[in-house]
Amino acid sequence: MNKRQIVTLMHQLHYGNIDTTDGYEHLVVDGRLEWPKFESFVRRYVQGIDMVFYATSQVAGIGDIHKAFEFTQTYMTNNRIRIASEDFLARIIIEPIGVGIGHLTLQTPTPKSGAGV
């Protein structure tokens, strides 16, 4: 999956806000994103090895949880970070203030447009 495909999928399947029923979780300690908190939080939602991450339409990627952590550390101060499982059933938002919210859906998401990605 290339960056353009990632951006298109994120716009189609991980747009707007997500269900906040699970509540926000603090992921930053002493001004820094903390690995154990991040790993525990992300693993609660994303079980697979690879995940998709997005900060802006110019900055997006796919990789394992370590790459997602590095990506989040680098871009979270100025951007809302979106992370999703490859099937987009698990969706996470990490806000610039260092809190994250996640949602796990039981139904398969479908793109809103017919863009063949």
Protein backbone atom coordinates (compact mmCIF):
# COMPACT_ATOMS: atom_id res chain seq x y z
CA MET A 1 0.00 0.00 0.00
CA ASN A 2 1.51 3.33 -1.00
CA LYS A 3 1.05 6.69 0.76
CA ARG A 4 -1.69 7.84 -1.63
CA GLN A 5 -3.70 4.67 -0.97
CA ILE A 6 -3.22 5.10 2.78
CA VAL A 7 -4.42 8.70 2.65
CA THR A 8 -7.44 7.76 0.53
CA LEU A 9 -8.42 4.94 2.89
CA MET A 10 -7.95 7.12 5.96
CA HIS A 11 -10.21 9.77 4.42
CA GLN A 12 -12.84 7.15 3.60
CA LEU A 13 -12.72 4.87 6.63
CA HIS A 14 -11.20 6.88 9.50
CA TYR A 15 -12.73 10.34 9.07
CA GLY A 16 -14.14 12.65 11.72
CA ASN A 17 -14.34 11.60 15.34
CA ILE A 18 -14.80 8.10 16.73
CA ASP A 19 -16.98 6.66 19.48
CA THR A 20 -15.61 7.86 22.84
CA THR A 21 -17.39 5.28 24.99
CA ASP A 22 -14.07 3.69 26.02
CA GLY A 23 -12.86 7.02 27.38
CA TYR A 24 -9.63 8.91 26.81
CA GLU A 25 -6.35 7.56 28.14
CA HIS A 26 -3.25 9.58 29.04
CA LEU A 27 -0.23 8.40 27.04
CA VAL A 28 2.27 11.12 27.94
CA VAL A 29 4.40 11.21 31.08
CA ASP A 30 6.60 14.23 31.85
CA GLY A 31 5.92 15.69 28.41
CA ARG A 32 6.93 12.57 26.47
CA LEU A 33 4.96 9.79 24.83
CA GLU A 34 5.63 6.74 26.98
CA TRP A 35 6.25 3.41 25.22
CA PRO A 36 4.57 1.05 27.75
CA LYS A 37 1.41 3.19 27.84
CA PHE A 38 1.35 3.52 24.04
CA GLU A 39 1.91 -0.20 23.47
CA SER A 40 -0.74 -1.25 25.97
CA PHE A 41 -3.26 1.25 24.59
CA VAL A 42 -2.71 0.37 20.91
CA ARG A 43 -2.71 -3.41 21.57
CA ARG A 44 -6.09 -3.10 23.25
CA TYR A 45 -7.49 -2.31 19.80
CA VAL A 46 -5.04 -3.44 17.13
CA GLN A 47 -4.11 -7.12 17.32
CA GLY A 48 -2.33 -7.49 13.98
CA ILE A 49 1.33 -6.88 13.31
CA ASP A 50 0.97 -3.99 10.87
CA MET A 51 -1.16 -0.91 11.24
CA VAL A 52 -1.86 2.22 9.24
CA PHE A 53 -0.99 5.65 10.65
CA TYR A 54 -1.79 9.15 9.46
CA ALA A 55 -0.98 12.70 10.54
CA THR A 56 -1.71 14.74 7.40
CA SER A 57 -2.25 14.04 3.73
CA GLN A 58 1.51 14.53 3.33
CA VAL A 59 2.53 12.35 6.28
CA ALA A 60 1.21 8.81 6.50
CA GLY A 61 2.56 5.28 6.64
CA ILE A 62 2.13 1.64 7.45
CA GLY A 63 4.20 -0.52 9.78
CA ASP A 64 4.42 -2.35 13.07
CA ILE A 65 3.78 -0.91 16.51
CA HIS A 66 7.37 0.34 16.85
CA LYS A 67 7.06 2.37 13.64
CA ALA A 68 3.67 3.66 14.79
CA PHE A 69 5.25 4.76 18.09
CA GLU A 70 8.10 6.60 16.33
CA PHE A 71 5.63 8.18 13.90
CA THR A 72 3.38 9.30 16.75
CA GLN A 73 6.31 10.71 18.76
CA THR A 74 7.49 12.68 15.75
CA TYR A 75 4.18 14.15 14.57
CA MET A 76 1.78 14.27 17.53
CA THR A 77 2.81 17.69 18.84
CA ASN A 78 1.29 19.42 15.81
CA ASN A 79 -1.20 16.89 14.49
CA ARG A 80 -4.00 14.60 15.49
CA ILE A 81 -2.63 11.10 14.84
CA ARG A 82 -4.93 8.43 13.43
CA ILE A 83 -4.00 4.77 13.70
CA ALA A 84 -6.04 1.90 12.30
CA SER A 85 -5.74 -1.83 11.91
CA GLU A 86 -5.23 -2.91 8.31
CA ASP A 87 -8.91 -3.95 8.10
CA PHE A 88 -10.00 -0.63 9.67
CA LEU A 89 -12.07 -2.42 12.33
CA ALA A 90 -9.88 -0.85 15.03
CA ARG A 91 -9.48 2.91 14.98
CA ILE A 92 -7.45 5.13 17.31
CA ILE A 93 -7.01 8.88 17.60
CA ILE A 94 -4.14 10.40 19.58
CA GLU A 95 -4.59 14.09 20.29
CA PRO A 96 -1.69 16.59 20.41
CA ILE A 97 -2.24 17.00 24.16
CA GLY A 98 -1.20 13.38 24.68
CA VAL A 99 -4.46 11.54 25.18
CA GLY A 100 -5.78 8.73 23.04
CA ILE A 101 -9.19 7.29 22.30
CA GLY A 102 -9.90 4.03 20.54
CA HIS A 103 -12.85 2.18 19.09
CA LEU A 104 -13.25 -1.38 17.90
CA THR A 105 -16.14 -2.04 15.54
CA LEU A 106 -17.65 -5.41 14.78
CA GLN A 107 -18.81 -4.63 11.26
CA THR A 108 -16.66 -4.27 8.18
CA PRO A 109 -16.28 -0.62 7.19
CA THR A 110 -17.06 0.29 3.60
CA PRO A 111 -15.61 3.19 1.62
CA LYS A 112 -17.91 6.16 1.10
CA SER A 113 -16.85 6.65 -2.51
CA GLY A 114 -16.19 4.31 -5.39
CA ALA A 115 -12.48 5.15 -5.50
CA GLY A 116 -10.84 1.85 -6.40
CA VAL A 117 -8.00 1.62 -3.93
